Amino acid sequence: MSKEKIIIKPAITKDQLRLDVEKLVHGDGMSYTEAIIEICEQTEIDPEDIAKLVKGPLKSKLEVEAMDRNIIKRTTTTLY
């Protein structure tokens, strides 16, 4: 009996998420929040799971958007 390696690829990578979100934001005029939720629905990934992939510049842009909408408290530093 031969042993085969089983490779499980993630449904979406951090870089792919960033690219897809930017495409929706700049191409379709969505907010960052709307774009992330849209990708969650398209890929059938729970938002809590996709949150682990939101890092770096994407996270900063999402935070700025949340501060602009008074969802989170504004910090004294500019994030982008």
N, C-alpha and C. Protein backbone atom coordinates (compact mmCIF):
# COMPACT_ATOMS: atom_id res chain seq x y z
N MET A 1 0.85 -1.18 0.00
CA MET A 1 0.00 0.00 0.00
C MET A 1 0.89 1.24 0.00
N SER A 2 0.72 2.11 -0.97
CA SER A 2 1.56 3.30 -1.06
C SER A 2 1.00 4.40 -0.17
N LYS A 3 1.92 5.15 0.36
CA LYS A 3 1.53 6.27 1.21
C LYS A 3 1.49 7.52 0.36
N GLU A 4 0.34 8.13 0.27
CA GLU A 4 0.18 9.37 -0.48
C GLU A 4 0.10 10.53 0.51
N LYS A 5 0.76 11.59 0.12
CA LYS A 5 0.68 12.79 0.96
C LYS A 5 -0.60 13.52 0.63
N ILE A 6 -1.30 13.90 1.64
CA ILE A 6 -2.52 14.68 1.47
C ILE A 6 -2.18 16.12 1.80
N ILE A 7 -2.39 16.98 0.83
CA ILE A 7 -2.09 18.39 1.01
C ILE A 7 -3.41 19.16 1.06
N ILE A 8 -3.60 19.86 2.14
CA ILE A 8 -4.81 20.67 2.31
C ILE A 8 -4.42 22.12 2.13
N LYS A 9 -4.97 22.75 1.11
CA LYS A 9 -4.68 24.15 0.85
C LYS A 9 -5.77 25.01 1.50
N PRO A 10 -5.37 26.16 2.03
CA PRO A 10 -6.39 27.06 2.59
C PRO A 10 -7.31 27.58 1.50
N ALA A 11 -8.55 27.87 1.87
CA ALA A 11 -9.52 28.38 0.91
C ALA A 11 -9.08 29.73 0.35
N ILE A 12 -8.37 30.50 1.17
CA ILE A 12 -7.89 31.81 0.74
C ILE A 12 -6.66 32.16 1.57
N THR A 13 -5.69 32.78 0.94
CA THR A 13 -4.49 33.19 1.65
C THR A 13 -4.60 34.65 2.07
N LYS A 14 -3.70 35.08 2.92
CA LYS A 14 -3.68 36.47 3.38
C LYS A 14 -3.50 37.42 2.19
N ASP A 15 -2.58 37.08 1.29
CA ASP A 15 -2.33 37.95 0.13
C ASP A 15 -3.52 37.96 -0.82
N GLN A 16 -4.15 36.81 -1.03
CA GLN A 16 -5.31 36.76 -1.91
C GLN A 16 -6.47 37.55 -1.32
N LEU A 17 -6.64 37.46 -0.01
CA LEU A 17 -7.69 38.23 0.66
C LEU A 17 -7.46 39.72 0.44
N ARG A 18 -6.23 40.17 0.66
CA ARG A 18 -5.90 41.58 0.48
C ARG A 18 -6.19 42.04 -0.94
N LEU A 19 -5.77 41.26 -1.92
CA LEU A 19 -6.01 41.62 -3.32
C LEU A 19 -7.49 41.66 -3.65
N ASP A 20 -8.23 40.66 -3.19
CA ASP A 20 -9.67 40.61 -3.46
C ASP A 20 -10.41 41.77 -2.81
N VAL A 21 -10.03 42.11 -1.59
CA VAL A 21 -10.67 43.22 -0.88
C VAL A 21 -10.39 44.53 -1.61
N GLU A 22 -9.13 44.77 -1.97
CA GLU A 22 -8.78 46.01 -2.68
C GLU A 22 -9.52 46.11 -4.01
N LYS A 23 -9.68 44.98 -4.69
CA LYS A 23 -10.40 44.96 -5.96
C LYS A 23 -11.86 45.38 -5.76
N LEU A 24 -12.50 44.87 -4.73
CA LEU A 24 -13.89 45.22 -4.44
C LEU A 24 -14.03 46.67 -3.98
N VAL A 25 -13.08 47.13 -3.18
CA VAL A 25 -13.14 48.49 -2.66
C VAL A 25 -12.95 49.50 -3.79
N HIS A 26 -11.91 49.31 -4.58
CA HIS A 26 -11.59 50.29 -5.62
C HIS A 26 -12.41 50.08 -6.89
N GLY A 27 -12.76 48.84 -7.19
CA GLY A 27 -13.50 48.56 -8.42
C GLY A 27 -15.00 48.69 -8.28
N ASP A 28 -15.53 48.23 -7.14
CA ASP A 28 -16.98 48.21 -6.95
C ASP A 28 -17.47 49.27 -5.96
N GLY A 29 -16.55 50.01 -5.35
CA GLY A 29 -16.94 51.08 -4.44
C GLY A 29 -17.44 50.61 -3.08
N MET A 30 -17.08 49.39 -2.70
CA MET A 30 -17.50 48.88 -1.39
C MET A 30 -16.59 49.44 -0.30
N SER A 31 -17.07 49.40 0.92
CA SER A 31 -16.21 49.72 2.06
C SER A 31 -15.36 48.47 2.34
N TYR A 32 -14.32 48.63 3.15
CA TYR A 32 -13.48 47.48 3.49
C TYR A 32 -14.29 46.42 4.23
N THR A 33 -15.16 46.86 5.12
CA THR A 33 -16.00 45.93 5.86
C THR A 33 -16.92 45.15 4.92
N GLU A 34 -17.58 45.87 4.01
CA GLU A 34 -18.47 45.21 3.06
C GLU A 34 -17.70 44.22 2.18
N ALA A 35 -16.51 44.60 1.75
CA ALA A 35 -15.71 43.73 0.89
C ALA A 35 -15.33 42.45 1.61
N ILE A 36 -14.93 42.55 2.87
CA ILE A 36 -14.55 41.37 3.63
C ILE A 36 -15.75 40.45 3.83
N ILE A 37 -16.90 41.02 4.15
CA ILE A 37 -18.11 40.22 4.33
C ILE A 37 -18.51 39.55 3.01
N GLU A 38 -18.39 40.26 1.91
CA GLU A 38 -18.70 39.70 0.59
C GLU A 38 -17.80 38.50 0.30
N ILE A 39 -16.52 38.63 0.60
CA ILE A 39 -15.58 37.52 0.37
C ILE A 39 -15.91 36.34 1.29
N CYS A 40 -16.30 36.62 2.51
CA CYS A 40 -16.71 35.55 3.44
C CYS A 40 -17.89 34.78 2.85
N GLU A 41 -18.86 35.50 2.30
CA GLU A 41 -20.03 34.85 1.71
C GLU A 41 -19.66 34.05 0.47
N GLN A 42 -18.81 34.62 -0.39
CA GLN A 42 -18.41 33.93 -1.62
C GLN A 42 -17.63 32.65 -1.34
N THR A 43 -16.76 32.70 -0.35
CA THR A 43 -15.90 31.55 -0.05
C THR A 43 -16.48 30.64 1.03
N GLU A 44 -17.61 31.05 1.59
CA GLU A 44 -18.26 30.31 2.67
C GLU A 44 -17.33 30.10 3.87
N ILE A 45 -16.62 31.18 4.20
CA ILE A 45 -15.73 31.17 5.37
C ILE A 45 -16.35 32.05 6.43
N ASP A 46 -16.35 31.59 7.67
CA ASP A 46 -16.89 32.34 8.78
C ASP A 46 -16.04 33.60 9.00
N PRO A 47 -16.67 34.76 9.22
CA PRO A 47 -15.90 35.99 9.46
C PRO A 47 -14.87 35.87 10.59
N GLU A 48 -15.17 35.10 11.61
CA GLU A 48 -14.21 34.91 12.70
C GLU A 48 -12.94 34.21 12.20
N ASP A 49 -13.11 33.31 11.24
CA ASP A 49 -11.95 32.60 10.69
C ASP A 49 -11.15 33.50 9.76
N ILE A 50 -11.83 34.30 8.99
CA ILE A 50 -11.13 35.18 8.04
C ILE A 50 -10.41 36.31 8.77
N ALA A 51 -10.88 36.64 9.96
CA ALA A 51 -10.24 37.71 10.75
C ALA A 51 -8.78 37.39 11.03
N LYS A 52 -8.43 36.13 11.08
CA LYS A 52 -7.03 35.73 11.31
C LYS A 52 -6.13 36.13 10.16
N LEU A 53 -6.71 36.36 8.97
CA LEU A 53 -5.94 36.72 7.79
C LEU A 53 -5.84 38.24 7.59
N VAL A 54 -6.59 39.00 8.37
CA VAL A 54 -6.60 40.46 8.22
C VAL A 54 -5.42 41.01 9.01
N LYS A 55 -4.35 41.35 8.27
CA LYS A 55 -3.12 41.83 8.90
C LYS A 55 -2.53 42.96 8.08
N GLY A 56 -1.56 43.64 8.65
CA GLY A 56 -0.80 44.66 7.93
C GLY A 56 -1.65 45.81 7.44
N PRO A 57 -1.40 46.25 6.19
CA PRO A 57 -2.11 47.42 5.64
C PRO A 57 -3.62 47.24 5.59
N LEU A 58 -4.08 46.03 5.32
CA LEU A 58 -5.53 45.78 5.27
C LEU A 58 -6.15 46.03 6.64
N LYS A 59 -5.49 45.57 7.68
CA LYS A 59 -6.00 45.78 9.04
C LYS A 59 -6.02 47.27 9.38
N SER A 60 -4.96 47.98 8.97
CA SER A 60 -4.90 49.42 9.23
C SER A 60 -6.03 50.16 8.53
N LYS A 61 -6.29 49.82 7.29
CA LYS A 61 -7.36 50.48 6.53
C LYS A 61 -8.73 50.17 7.14
N LEU A 62 -8.91 48.96 7.60
CA LEU A 62 -10.15 48.57 8.25
C LEU A 62 -10.34 49.35 9.56
N GLU A 63 -9.26 49.53 10.31
CA GLU A 63 -9.32 50.29 11.56
C GLU A 63 -9.67 51.76 11.30
N VAL A 64 -9.07 52.36 10.27
CA VAL A 64 -9.36 53.75 9.93
C VAL A 64 -10.83 53.89 9.56
N GLU A 65 -11.32 52.94 8.76
CA GLU A 65 -12.73 52.96 8.37
C GLU A 65 -13.64 52.87 9.60
N ALA A 66 -13.29 52.01 10.52
CA ALA A 66 -14.09 51.85 11.74
C ALA A 66 -14.05 53.12 12.60
N MET A 67 -12.89 53.78 12.65
CA MET A 67 -12.79 55.03 13.41
C MET A 67 -13.62 56.13 12.73
N ASP A 68 -13.58 56.20 11.41
CA ASP A 68 -14.36 57.20 10.68
C ASP A 68 -15.86 57.02 10.90
N ARG A 69 -16.27 55.79 11.13
CA ARG A 69 -17.70 55.50 11.35
C ARG A 69 -18.05 55.45 12.84
N ASN A 70 -17.10 55.83 13.67
CA ASN A 70 -17.28 55.83 15.14
C ASN A 70 -17.64 54.45 15.68
N ILE A 71 -17.10 53.42 15.06
CA ILE A 71 -17.33 52.06 15.54
C ILE A 71 -16.31 51.72 16.62
N ILE A 72 -15.08 52.22 16.42
CA ILE A 72 -14.05 52.06 17.45
C ILE A 72 -13.52 53.45 17.79
N LYS A 73 -12.91 53.53 18.96
CA LYS A 73 -12.40 54.80 19.45
C LYS A 73 -11.22 55.26 18.59
N ARG A 74 -11.21 56.53 18.25
CA ARG A 74 -10.15 57.11 17.43
C ARG A 74 -8.84 57.15 18.23
N THR A 75 -7.74 56.76 17.57
CA THR A 75 -6.44 56.85 18.22
C THR A 75 -5.77 58.15 17.77
N THR A 76 -4.69 58.49 18.41
CA THR A 76 -4.01 59.74 18.07
C THR A 76 -3.09 59.60 16.86
N THR A 77 -2.79 58.37 16.45
CA THR A 77 -1.93 58.17 15.29
C THR A 77 -2.75 57.90 14.05
N THR A 78 -2.21 58.31 12.92
CA THR A 78 -2.86 58.04 11.64
C THR A 78 -2.36 56.69 11.15
N LEU A 79 -3.28 55.84 10.73
CA LEU A 79 -2.90 54.49 10.33
C LEU A 79 -2.65 54.35 8.84
N TYR A 80 -3.12 55.30 8.03
CA TYR A 80 -2.76 55.28 6.60
C TYR A 80 -2.84 56.59 5.98
